[in-house]
Amino acid sequence: MYWVMADAVKKDEKTMENTVNFMYLASKCFKIRQPPAPTVLGDAELKNIEIPVLYMVGENEKIYSPTKAVNRIKSVAPQIKTEIIPNAGHDLTSVQNKMINSKVLEFLSNP
């Protein structure tokens, strides 16, 4: 967890430690179901999205390149609004919660 949530650890190591401990305890107390594997939308699928979409990714994302993802979306589906969130990675909603909330509210007000 620490490698994927590095920005959350920097922001509040104690809270992250508690979260990791809770997740470990939960894994011992509950039967863990394998989550569905994420799918990557093809170019045609992205291009055909007609509803307003806001795609946000942390600049320090560890699972994939945020710049490549945003560039691909911009080239294939320019109708999708994209944002790279600074000083955040996979943990963007907890590390930059005020910024995320502001951007979501702005997007919902002006889709």
C-alpha atoms as a PDB file:
ATOM      1  CA  MET A   1       0.000   0.000   0.000  1.00  0.00           C
ATOM      2  CA  TYR A   2       2.782   2.443   0.822  1.00  0.00           C
ATOM      3  CA  TRP A   3       4.265   2.451  -2.683  1.00  0.00           C
ATOM      4  CA  VAL A   4       0.941   3.220  -4.385  1.00  0.00           C
ATOM      5  CA  MET A   5      -0.146   5.725  -1.713  1.00  0.00           C
ATOM      6  CA  ALA A   6       3.200   7.517  -1.305  1.00  0.00           C
ATOM      7  CA  ASP A   7       1.646  10.987  -1.336  1.00  0.00           C
ATOM      8  CA  ALA A   8      -0.831  10.031   1.399  1.00  0.00           C
ATOM      9  CA  VAL A   9       2.058   8.737   3.506  1.00  0.00           C
ATOM     10  CA  LYS A  10       3.911  12.041   3.043  1.00  0.00           C
ATOM     11  CA  LYS A  11       0.791  13.976   4.029  1.00  0.00           C
ATOM     12  CA  ASP A  12      -0.144  11.928   7.101  1.00  0.00           C
ATOM     13  CA  GLU A  13       1.912   8.819   7.819  1.00  0.00           C
ATOM     14  CA  LYS A  14      -0.031   7.910  10.990  1.00  0.00           C
ATOM     15  CA  THR A  15      -3.401   7.881   9.189  1.00  0.00           C
ATOM     16  CA  MET A  16      -1.917   5.800   6.391  1.00  0.00           C
ATOM     17  CA  GLU A  17      -0.430   3.370   8.907  1.00  0.00           C
ATOM     18  CA  ASN A  18      -3.864   3.028  10.548  1.00  0.00           C
ATOM     19  CA  THR A  19      -5.476   2.449   7.150  1.00  0.00           C
ATOM     20  CA  VAL A  20      -2.979  -0.272   6.242  1.00  0.00           C
ATOM     21  CA  ASN A  21      -3.453  -1.943   9.638  1.00  0.00           C
ATOM     22  CA  PHE A  22      -7.231  -1.815   9.210  1.00  0.00           C
ATOM     23  CA  MET A  23      -6.989  -3.355   5.741  1.00  0.00           C
ATOM     24  CA  TYR A  24      -4.731  -6.123   7.076  1.00  0.00           C
ATOM     25  CA  LEU A  25      -7.147  -6.853   9.918  1.00  0.00           C
ATOM     26  CA  ALA A  26     -10.102  -6.834   7.516  1.00  0.00           C
ATOM     27  CA  SER A  27      -8.297  -9.310   5.257  1.00  0.00           C
ATOM     28  CA  LYS A  28      -7.986 -11.683   8.226  1.00  0.00           C
ATOM     29  CA  CYS A  29     -11.627 -11.292   9.324  1.00  0.00           C
ATOM     30  CA  PHE A  30     -13.505 -11.330   6.033  1.00  0.00           C
ATOM     31  CA  LYS A  31     -13.449 -13.472   2.938  1.00  0.00           C
ATOM     32  CA  ILE A  32     -11.801 -11.329   0.293  1.00  0.00           C
ATOM     33  CA  ARG A  33     -13.392 -11.413  -3.131  1.00  0.00           C
ATOM     34  CA  GLN A  34     -11.260 -10.847  -6.155  1.00  0.00           C
ATOM     35  CA  PRO A  35     -12.298  -7.480  -7.612  1.00  0.00           C
ATOM     36  CA  PRO A  36     -13.103  -7.397 -11.304  1.00  0.00           C
ATOM     37  CA  ALA A  37     -10.119  -6.630 -13.487  1.00  0.00           C
ATOM     38  CA  PRO A  38     -10.220  -3.078 -14.841  1.00  0.00           C
ATOM     39  CA  THR A  39     -10.746  -2.737 -18.558  1.00  0.00           C
ATOM     40  CA  VAL A  40      -9.152  -0.228 -20.872  1.00  0.00           C
ATOM     41  CA  LEU A  41     -11.566   1.421 -23.251  1.00  0.00           C
ATOM     42  CA  GLY A  42     -10.635   1.282 -26.901  1.00  0.00           C
ATOM     43  CA  ASP A  43     -10.278   4.391 -29.043  1.00  0.00           C
ATOM     44  CA  ALA A  44     -13.707   3.917 -30.640  1.00  0.00           C
ATOM     45  CA  GLU A  45     -15.349   3.494 -27.219  1.00  0.00           C
ATOM     46  CA  LEU A  46     -13.716   6.678 -25.907  1.00  0.00           C
ATOM     47  CA  LYS A  47     -14.609   8.610 -29.050  1.00  0.00           C
ATOM     48  CA  ASN A  48     -18.276   7.553 -28.781  1.00  0.00           C
ATOM     49  CA  ILE A  49     -18.796   8.802 -25.215  1.00  0.00           C
ATOM     50  CA  GLU A  50     -21.454  11.481 -25.491  1.00  0.00           C
ATOM     51  CA  ILE A  51     -22.143  12.336 -21.857  1.00  0.00           C
ATOM     52  CA  PRO A  52     -19.960  14.862 -20.004  1.00  0.00           C
ATOM     53  CA  VAL A  53     -16.955  13.122 -18.431  1.00  0.00           C
ATOM     54  CA  LEU A  54     -14.258  14.434 -16.107  1.00  0.00           C
ATOM     55  CA  TYR A  55     -11.103  12.297 -15.971  1.00  0.00           C
ATOM     56  CA  MET A  56      -8.702  13.127 -13.144  1.00  0.00           C
ATOM     57  CA  VAL A  57      -5.382  11.448 -12.432  1.00  0.00           C
ATOM     58  CA  GLY A  58      -2.611  12.221  -9.959  1.00  0.00           C
ATOM     59  CA  GLU A  59       0.696  13.375 -11.426  1.00  0.00           C
ATOM     60  CA  ASN A  60       2.488  10.706  -9.349  1.00  0.00           C
ATOM     61  CA  GLU A  61       0.275   7.770 -10.409  1.00  0.00           C
ATOM     62  CA  LYS A  62       2.314   4.562 -10.118  1.00  0.00           C
ATOM     63  CA  ILE A  63       0.134   2.119 -12.058  1.00  0.00           C
ATOM     64  CA  TYR A  64       0.274   3.905 -15.425  1.00  0.00           C
ATOM     65  CA  SER A  65       1.646   7.107 -16.954  1.00  0.00           C
ATOM     66  CA  PRO A  66      -0.761   9.972 -16.258  1.00  0.00           C
ATOM     67  CA  THR A  67       0.698  12.056 -19.093  1.00  0.00           C
ATOM     68  CA  LYS A  68       0.272   9.261 -21.643  1.00  0.00           C
ATOM     69  CA  ALA A  69      -3.286   8.608 -20.446  1.00  0.00           C
ATOM     70  CA  VAL A  70      -4.282  12.283 -20.699  1.00  0.00           C
ATOM     71  CA  ASN A  71      -2.580  12.706 -24.087  1.00  0.00           C
ATOM     72  CA  ARG A  72      -4.401   9.646 -25.418  1.00  0.00           C
ATOM     73  CA  ILE A  73      -7.756  10.913 -24.185  1.00  0.00           C
ATOM     74  CA  LYS A  74      -7.136  14.381 -25.631  1.00  0.00           C
ATOM     75  CA  SER A  75      -6.208  12.957 -29.037  1.00  0.00           C
ATOM     76  CA  VAL A  76      -8.969  10.343 -29.255  1.00  0.00           C
ATOM     77  CA  ALA A  77     -11.798  11.901 -27.243  1.00  0.00           C
ATOM     78  CA  PRO A  78     -11.358  15.669 -26.914  1.00  0.00           C
ATOM     79  CA  GLN A  79     -14.892  15.922 -25.503  1.00  0.00           C
ATOM     80  CA  ILE A  80     -13.617  14.402 -22.238  1.00  0.00           C
ATOM     81  CA  LYS A  81     -12.319  16.996 -19.773  1.00  0.00           C
ATOM     82  CA  THR A  82      -8.989  15.918 -18.273  1.00  0.00           C
ATOM     83  CA  GLU A  83      -7.085  17.090 -15.206  1.00  0.00           C
ATOM     84  CA  ILE A  84      -3.688  16.037 -13.873  1.00  0.00           C
ATOM     85  CA  ILE A  85      -3.733  16.635 -10.125  1.00  0.00           C
ATOM     86  CA  PRO A  86      -0.418  17.896  -8.680  1.00  0.00           C
ATOM     87  CA  ASN A  87       1.245  16.350  -5.608  1.00  0.00           C
ATOM     88  CA  ALA A  88      -0.939  13.247  -5.745  1.00  0.00           C
ATOM     89  CA  GLY A  89      -0.886   9.765  -7.147  1.00  0.00           C
ATOM     90  CA  HIS A  90      -3.386   6.923  -6.885  1.00  0.00           C
ATOM     91  CA  ASP A  91      -4.412   8.533  -3.590  1.00  0.00           C
ATOM     92  CA  LEU A  92      -5.564  11.796  -5.201  1.00  0.00           C
ATOM     93  CA  THR A  93      -8.987  11.849  -3.531  1.00  0.00           C
ATOM     94  CA  SER A  94      -7.489  11.795  -0.043  1.00  0.00           C
ATOM     95  CA  VAL A  95      -4.311  13.810  -0.624  1.00  0.00           C
ATOM     96  CA  GLN A  96      -5.900  16.591  -2.660  1.00  0.00           C
ATOM     97  CA  ASN A  97      -9.493  16.284  -1.450  1.00  0.00           C
ATOM     98  CA  LYS A  98     -10.237  20.030  -1.481  1.00  0.00           C
ATOM     99  CA  MET A  99      -8.915  20.404  -5.024  1.00  0.00           C
ATOM    100  CA  ILE A 100     -10.794  17.305  -6.214  1.00  0.00           C
ATOM    101  CA  ASN A 101     -14.035  18.472  -4.600  1.00  0.00           C
ATOM    102  CA  SER A 102     -13.663  21.911  -6.154  1.00  0.00           C
ATOM    103  CA  LYS A 103     -12.994  20.499  -9.633  1.00  0.00           C
ATOM    104  CA  VAL A 104     -15.897  18.051  -9.394  1.00  0.00           C
ATOM    105  CA  LEU A 105     -18.314  20.781  -8.245  1.00  0.00           C
ATOM    106  CA  GLU A 106     -17.098  23.105 -11.007  1.00  0.00           C
ATOM    107  CA  PHE A 107     -17.516  20.336 -13.589  1.00  0.00           C
ATOM    108  CA  LEU A 108     -21.013  19.474 -12.365  1.00  0.00           C
ATOM    109  CA  SER A 109     -21.987  23.148 -12.490  1.00  0.00           C
ATOM    110  CA  ASN A 110     -20.618  23.645 -16.024  1.00  0.00           C
ATOM    111  CA  PRO A 111     -20.548  20.283 -17.824  1.00  0.00           C
END
